[in-house]
Amino acid sequence: MFGAIKRALIRFARKVVQGVMSQLMQQLNIVQEQAMAPMRQMIQQVMGGVWVGDGANAFVEEVSSLMIPGVGKVAEHITTMHKNIQHACDVIDQADANVQSKVNGLADIFGAIYSG
């Protein structure tokens, strides 16, 4: 009975974690699509001649050297967090399998003692 409850809790926790991981990837897409892409488009437009002069050059420099790398760092942190959560899930699954294997081994030993 305890094993069934434990498995149900692990399945529930896995679904919650999968939901969090899905949300992380959605956030990564938002960062890339709603922050990074528009900044790159603005730079292309300015470099294409829409805006010229010292102000245009300063704008391109600021966006290129500060904003785009900052957004890139956010995306990198989201990706790292996603990988770390996935690794934690893998470790939990491996530990659970190891424990289950040991419990089954002990059950076999006790079963042999009591039946023999």
N, C-alpha and C. Protein backbone atom coordinates (compact mmCIF):
# COMPACT_ATOMS: atom_id res chain seq x y z
N MET A 1 0.83 -1.19 0.00
CA MET A 1 0.00 0.00 0.00
C MET A 1 0.88 1.26 0.00
N PHE A 2 1.90 1.27 0.86
CA PHE A 2 2.78 2.43 0.92
C PHE A 2 3.44 2.67 -0.43
N GLY A 3 3.80 1.60 -1.12
CA GLY A 3 4.44 1.73 -2.43
C GLY A 3 3.53 2.41 -3.44
N ALA A 4 2.24 2.09 -3.40
CA ALA A 4 1.29 2.71 -4.33
C ALA A 4 1.14 4.20 -4.04
N ILE A 5 1.10 4.55 -2.76
CA ILE A 5 0.99 5.96 -2.38
C ILE A 5 2.25 6.71 -2.81
N LYS A 6 3.39 6.09 -2.56
CA LYS A 6 4.66 6.71 -2.93
C LYS A 6 4.74 6.93 -4.43
N ARG A 7 4.35 5.93 -5.21
CA ARG A 7 4.37 6.07 -6.67
C ARG A 7 3.43 7.17 -7.14
N ALA A 8 2.25 7.26 -6.50
CA ALA A 8 1.29 8.31 -6.87
C ALA A 8 1.87 9.69 -6.54
N LEU A 9 2.52 9.81 -5.40
CA LEU A 9 3.13 11.10 -5.02
C LEU A 9 4.27 11.45 -5.97
N ILE A 10 5.07 10.47 -6.35
CA ILE A 10 6.17 10.74 -7.28
C ILE A 10 5.61 11.14 -8.64
N ARG A 11 4.55 10.49 -9.11
CA ARG A 11 3.93 10.87 -10.38
C ARG A 11 3.39 12.29 -10.32
N PHE A 12 2.75 12.63 -9.19
CA PHE A 12 2.22 13.97 -9.01
C PHE A 12 3.35 15.00 -9.00
N ALA A 13 4.40 14.72 -8.25
CA ALA A 13 5.54 15.64 -8.20
C ALA A 13 6.18 15.78 -9.57
N ARG A 14 6.27 14.69 -10.30
CA ARG A 14 6.86 14.74 -11.65
C ARG A 14 6.03 15.66 -12.55
N LYS A 15 4.69 15.57 -12.46
CA LYS A 15 3.83 16.43 -13.28
C LYS A 15 4.01 17.90 -12.90
N VAL A 16 4.14 18.17 -11.61
CA VAL A 16 4.36 19.55 -11.16
C VAL A 16 5.68 20.07 -11.70
N VAL A 17 6.72 19.26 -11.60
CA VAL A 17 8.04 19.66 -12.08
C VAL A 17 8.02 19.85 -13.60
N GLN A 18 7.35 18.96 -14.31
CA GLN A 18 7.24 19.11 -15.77
C GLN A 18 6.53 20.41 -16.12
N GLY A 19 5.52 20.78 -15.33
CA GLY A 19 4.83 22.05 -15.54
C GLY A 19 5.76 23.24 -15.34
N VAL A 20 6.56 23.17 -14.30
CA VAL A 20 7.53 24.24 -14.05
C VAL A 20 8.54 24.33 -15.19
N MET A 21 9.01 23.18 -15.65
CA MET A 21 9.99 23.18 -16.74
C MET A 21 9.37 23.73 -18.03
N SER A 22 8.12 23.41 -18.26
CA SER A 22 7.42 23.95 -19.43
C SER A 22 7.30 25.47 -19.33
N GLN A 23 6.98 25.96 -18.15
CA GLN A 23 6.88 27.40 -17.95
C GLN A 23 8.23 28.09 -18.14
N LEU A 24 9.30 27.44 -17.70
CA LEU A 24 10.63 28.00 -17.92
C LEU A 24 10.91 28.16 -19.41
N MET A 25 10.57 27.13 -20.18
CA MET A 25 10.82 27.21 -21.62
C MET A 25 9.94 28.27 -22.27
N GLN A 26 8.72 28.45 -21.77
CA GLN A 26 7.86 29.51 -22.28
C GLN A 26 8.48 30.88 -21.98
N GLN A 27 9.04 31.02 -20.79
CA GLN A 27 9.70 32.27 -20.43
C GLN A 27 10.91 32.53 -21.31
N LEU A 28 11.65 31.46 -21.62
CA LEU A 28 12.80 31.60 -22.52
C LEU A 28 12.34 32.09 -23.89
N ASN A 29 11.26 31.52 -24.40
CA ASN A 29 10.72 31.96 -25.68
C ASN A 29 10.30 33.42 -25.64
N ILE A 30 9.68 33.83 -24.53
CA ILE A 30 9.27 35.23 -24.39
C ILE A 30 10.48 36.14 -24.40
N VAL A 31 11.51 35.75 -23.67
CA VAL A 31 12.73 36.56 -23.63
C VAL A 31 13.31 36.71 -25.03
N GLN A 32 13.35 35.61 -25.75
CA GLN A 32 13.94 35.65 -27.08
C GLN A 32 13.08 36.40 -28.08
N GLU A 33 11.77 36.16 -28.04
CA GLU A 33 10.88 36.74 -29.04
C GLU A 33 10.47 38.18 -28.74
N GLN A 34 10.28 38.50 -27.46
CA GLN A 34 9.76 39.82 -27.13
C GLN A 34 10.84 40.79 -26.67
N ALA A 35 12.03 40.30 -26.44
CA ALA A 35 13.11 41.20 -26.02
C ALA A 35 14.26 41.20 -27.03
N MET A 36 14.80 40.04 -27.28
CA MET A 36 16.00 39.96 -28.12
C MET A 36 15.69 40.32 -29.58
N ALA A 37 14.68 39.72 -30.16
CA ALA A 37 14.37 39.95 -31.57
C ALA A 37 14.07 41.43 -31.88
N PRO A 38 13.23 42.10 -31.07
CA PRO A 38 12.98 43.51 -31.37
C PRO A 38 14.24 44.38 -31.26
N MET A 39 15.10 44.09 -30.30
CA MET A 39 16.33 44.87 -30.19
C MET A 39 17.21 44.70 -31.42
N ARG A 40 17.31 43.48 -31.88
CA ARG A 40 18.11 43.24 -33.08
C ARG A 40 17.50 43.93 -34.30
N GLN A 41 16.17 43.92 -34.40
CA GLN A 41 15.50 44.60 -35.50
C GLN A 41 15.76 46.10 -35.47
N MET A 42 15.71 46.68 -34.27
CA MET A 42 15.97 48.12 -34.14
C MET A 42 17.40 48.44 -34.59
N ILE A 43 18.34 47.62 -34.18
CA ILE A 43 19.73 47.84 -34.58
C ILE A 43 19.85 47.76 -36.10
N GLN A 44 19.22 46.77 -36.70
CA GLN A 44 19.28 46.63 -38.16
C GLN A 44 18.69 47.85 -38.86
N GLN A 45 17.58 48.34 -38.33
CA GLN A 45 16.95 49.52 -38.95
C GLN A 45 17.85 50.74 -38.84
N VAL A 46 18.44 50.94 -37.66
CA VAL A 46 19.32 52.10 -37.47
C VAL A 46 20.54 51.96 -38.36
N MET A 47 21.10 50.77 -38.42
CA MET A 47 22.28 50.56 -39.26
C MET A 47 21.92 50.65 -40.74
N GLY A 48 20.66 50.42 -41.05
CA GLY A 48 20.20 50.54 -42.43
C GLY A 48 19.94 51.98 -42.85
N GLY A 49 20.10 52.93 -41.91
CA GLY A 49 19.98 54.33 -42.28
C GLY A 49 18.73 55.03 -41.81
N VAL A 50 17.86 54.36 -41.05
CA VAL A 50 16.64 55.00 -40.56
C VAL A 50 16.99 56.17 -39.64
N TRP A 51 18.08 56.03 -38.92
CA TRP A 51 18.53 57.08 -38.00
C TRP A 51 20.03 57.17 -38.16
N VAL A 52 20.56 58.33 -38.34
CA VAL A 52 22.00 58.51 -38.55
C VAL A 52 22.54 59.56 -37.59
N GLY A 53 23.82 59.51 -37.37
CA GLY A 53 24.48 60.50 -36.53
C GLY A 53 25.01 59.90 -35.26
N ASP A 54 25.52 60.78 -34.39
CA ASP A 54 26.13 60.33 -33.14
C ASP A 54 25.11 59.64 -32.23
N GLY A 55 23.90 60.17 -32.18
CA GLY A 55 22.86 59.55 -31.35
C GLY A 55 22.54 58.14 -31.81
N ALA A 56 22.48 57.95 -33.11
CA ALA A 56 22.21 56.62 -33.67
C ALA A 56 23.34 55.67 -33.34
N ASN A 57 24.56 56.14 -33.48
CA ASN A 57 25.72 55.29 -33.16
C ASN A 57 25.74 54.93 -31.67
N ALA A 58 25.43 55.91 -30.82
CA ALA A 58 25.39 55.65 -29.38
C ALA A 58 24.29 54.65 -29.04
N PHE A 59 23.14 54.79 -29.69
CA PHE A 59 22.04 53.86 -29.47
C PHE A 59 22.45 52.44 -29.83
N VAL A 60 23.02 52.27 -30.99
CA VAL A 60 23.46 50.94 -31.44
C VAL A 60 24.48 50.37 -30.46
N GLU A 61 25.41 51.20 -30.02
CA GLU A 61 26.45 50.76 -29.09
C GLU A 61 25.84 50.31 -27.75
N GLU A 62 24.92 51.12 -27.23
CA GLU A 62 24.28 50.78 -25.94
C GLU A 62 23.49 49.48 -26.04
N VAL A 63 22.68 49.38 -27.06
CA VAL A 63 21.86 48.17 -27.21
C VAL A 63 22.75 46.95 -27.44
N SER A 64 23.78 47.12 -28.26
CA SER A 64 24.66 45.99 -28.59
C SER A 64 25.54 45.55 -27.42
N SER A 65 26.00 46.52 -26.64
CA SER A 65 26.97 46.18 -25.59
C SER A 65 26.33 45.95 -24.23
N LEU A 66 25.13 46.50 -24.00
CA LEU A 66 24.51 46.35 -22.68
C LEU A 66 23.23 45.52 -22.71
N MET A 67 22.31 45.91 -23.55
CA MET A 67 20.99 45.29 -23.50
C MET A 67 20.98 43.87 -24.04
N ILE A 68 21.54 43.66 -25.21
CA ILE A 68 21.52 42.32 -25.81
C ILE A 68 22.29 41.32 -24.94
N PRO A 69 23.49 41.66 -24.45
CA PRO A 69 24.16 40.71 -23.55
C PRO A 69 23.37 40.45 -22.26
N GLY A 70 22.69 41.48 -21.75
CA GLY A 70 21.88 41.29 -20.54
C GLY A 70 20.74 40.33 -20.76
N VAL A 71 20.05 40.48 -21.87
CA VAL A 71 18.96 39.56 -22.22
C VAL A 71 19.52 38.17 -22.47
N GLY A 72 20.69 38.10 -23.08
CA GLY A 72 21.34 36.81 -23.30
C GLY A 72 21.66 36.10 -21.99
N LYS A 73 22.07 36.87 -20.99
CA LYS A 73 22.36 36.29 -19.67
C LYS A 73 21.09 35.73 -19.03
N VAL A 74 19.99 36.46 -19.16
CA VAL A 74 18.71 35.98 -18.63
C VAL A 74 18.34 34.66 -19.30
N ALA A 75 18.47 34.61 -20.61
CA ALA A 75 18.15 33.38 -21.35
C ALA A 75 19.08 32.25 -20.91
N GLU A 76 20.34 32.57 -20.70
CA GLU A 76 21.31 31.56 -20.26
C GLU A 76 20.95 31.02 -18.88
N HIS A 77 20.53 31.90 -17.97
CA HIS A 77 20.13 31.46 -16.63
C HIS A 77 18.90 30.57 -16.68
N ILE A 78 17.94 30.92 -17.52
CA ILE A 78 16.73 30.10 -17.66
C ILE A 78 17.12 28.72 -18.18
N THR A 79 17.97 28.66 -19.19
CA THR A 79 18.40 27.38 -19.76
C THR A 79 19.15 26.55 -18.72
N THR A 80 20.03 27.18 -17.96
CA THR A 80 20.78 26.47 -16.92
C THR A 80 19.83 25.93 -15.85
N MET A 81 18.86 26.74 -15.44
CA MET A 81 17.91 26.28 -14.44
C MET A 81 17.12 25.08 -14.96
N HIS A 82 16.71 25.13 -16.21
CA HIS A 82 15.98 24.02 -16.82
C HIS A 82 16.83 22.75 -16.79
N LYS A 83 18.09 22.85 -17.19
CA LYS A 83 18.99 21.69 -17.18
C LYS A 83 19.20 21.16 -15.77
N ASN A 84 19.34 22.05 -14.80
CA ASN A 84 19.56 21.62 -13.41
C ASN A 84 18.33 20.91 -12.84
N ILE A 85 17.16 21.41 -13.16
CA ILE A 85 15.94 20.75 -12.69
C ILE A 85 15.82 19.38 -13.33
N GLN A 86 16.12 19.27 -14.62
CA GLN A 86 16.07 17.98 -15.29
C GLN A 86 17.07 17.00 -14.67
N HIS A 87 18.26 17.50 -14.36
CA HIS A 87 19.27 16.65 -13.71
C HIS A 87 18.78 16.19 -12.34
N ALA A 88 18.16 17.08 -11.58
CA ALA A 88 17.63 16.71 -10.26
C ALA A 88 16.56 15.63 -10.40
N CYS A 89 15.70 15.75 -11.40
CA CYS A 89 14.68 14.72 -11.64
C CYS A 89 15.33 13.38 -11.96
N ASP A 90 16.37 13.41 -12.78
CA ASP A 90 17.07 12.18 -13.13
C ASP A 90 17.70 11.53 -11.91
N VAL A 91 18.29 12.35 -11.02
CA VAL A 91 18.90 11.83 -9.79
C VAL A 91 17.83 11.21 -8.89
N ILE A 92 16.69 11.88 -8.75
CA ILE A 92 15.59 11.35 -7.94
C ILE A 92 15.10 10.03 -8.51
N ASP A 93 14.91 9.97 -9.82
CA ASP A 93 14.45 8.73 -10.45
C ASP A 93 15.45 7.60 -10.22
N GLN A 94 16.74 7.90 -10.36
CA GLN A 94 17.77 6.88 -10.15
C GLN A 94 17.78 6.42 -8.69
N ALA A 95 17.68 7.35 -7.75
CA ALA A 95 17.65 6.99 -6.34
C ALA A 95 16.42 6.15 -6.02
N ASP A 96 15.28 6.53 -6.58
CA ASP A 96 14.05 5.77 -6.35
C ASP A 96 14.18 4.35 -6.90
N ALA A 97 14.77 4.22 -8.07
CA ALA A 97 14.96 2.89 -8.65
C ALA A 97 15.91 2.06 -7.79
N ASN A 98 16.97 2.68 -7.28
CA ASN A 98 17.91 1.96 -6.42
C ASN A 98 17.25 1.49 -5.13
N VAL A 99 16.45 2.37 -4.53
CA VAL A 99 15.75 2.00 -3.29
C VAL A 99 14.77 0.87 -3.57
N GLN A 100 14.03 0.99 -4.66
CA GLN A 100 13.07 -0.06 -5.00
C GLN A 100 13.76 -1.40 -5.22
N SER A 101 14.91 -1.37 -5.86
CA SER A 101 15.67 -2.58 -6.10
C SER A 101 16.12 -3.22 -4.78
N LYS A 102 16.59 -2.38 -3.86
CA LYS A 102 17.03 -2.90 -2.56
C LYS A 102 15.85 -3.46 -1.76
N VAL A 103 14.72 -2.76 -1.79
CA VAL A 103 13.53 -3.25 -1.08
C VAL A 103 13.08 -4.58 -1.66
N ASN A 104 13.08 -4.69 -2.98
CA ASN A 104 12.70 -5.96 -3.61
C ASN A 104 13.68 -7.07 -3.24
N GLY A 105 14.98 -6.74 -3.17
CA GLY A 105 15.98 -7.72 -2.76
C GLY A 105 15.75 -8.21 -1.34
N LEU A 106 15.45 -7.28 -0.44
CA LEU A 106 15.16 -7.66 0.94
C LEU A 106 13.88 -8.49 1.02
N ALA A 107 12.88 -8.13 0.24
CA ALA A 107 11.64 -8.91 0.23
C ALA A 107 11.91 -10.34 -0.23
N ASP A 108 12.78 -10.49 -1.24
CA ASP A 108 13.13 -11.82 -1.71
C ASP A 108 13.86 -12.62 -0.64
N ILE A 109 14.77 -11.96 0.08
CA ILE A 109 15.50 -12.65 1.16
C ILE A 109 14.56 -13.10 2.26
N PHE A 110 13.70 -12.18 2.72
CA PHE A 110 12.76 -12.53 3.78
C PHE A 110 11.75 -13.58 3.30
N GLY A 111 11.35 -13.48 2.06
CA GLY A 111 10.43 -14.47 1.50
C GLY A 111 11.07 -15.85 1.48
N ALA A 112 12.35 -15.92 1.15
CA ALA A 112 13.05 -17.21 1.13
C ALA A 112 13.20 -17.76 2.53
N ILE A 113 13.44 -16.90 3.51
CA ILE A 113 13.60 -17.35 4.90
C ILE A 113 12.29 -17.92 5.42
N TYR A 114 11.20 -17.23 5.18
CA TYR A 114 9.93 -17.65 5.74
C TYR A 114 9.28 -18.79 4.98
N SER A 115 9.62 -18.97 3.73
CA SER A 115 9.02 -20.06 2.98
C SER A 115 9.88 -21.31 3.05
N GLY A 116 11.12 -21.14 3.44
CA GLY A 116 12.03 -22.28 3.42
C GLY A 116 12.19 -22.89 4.72
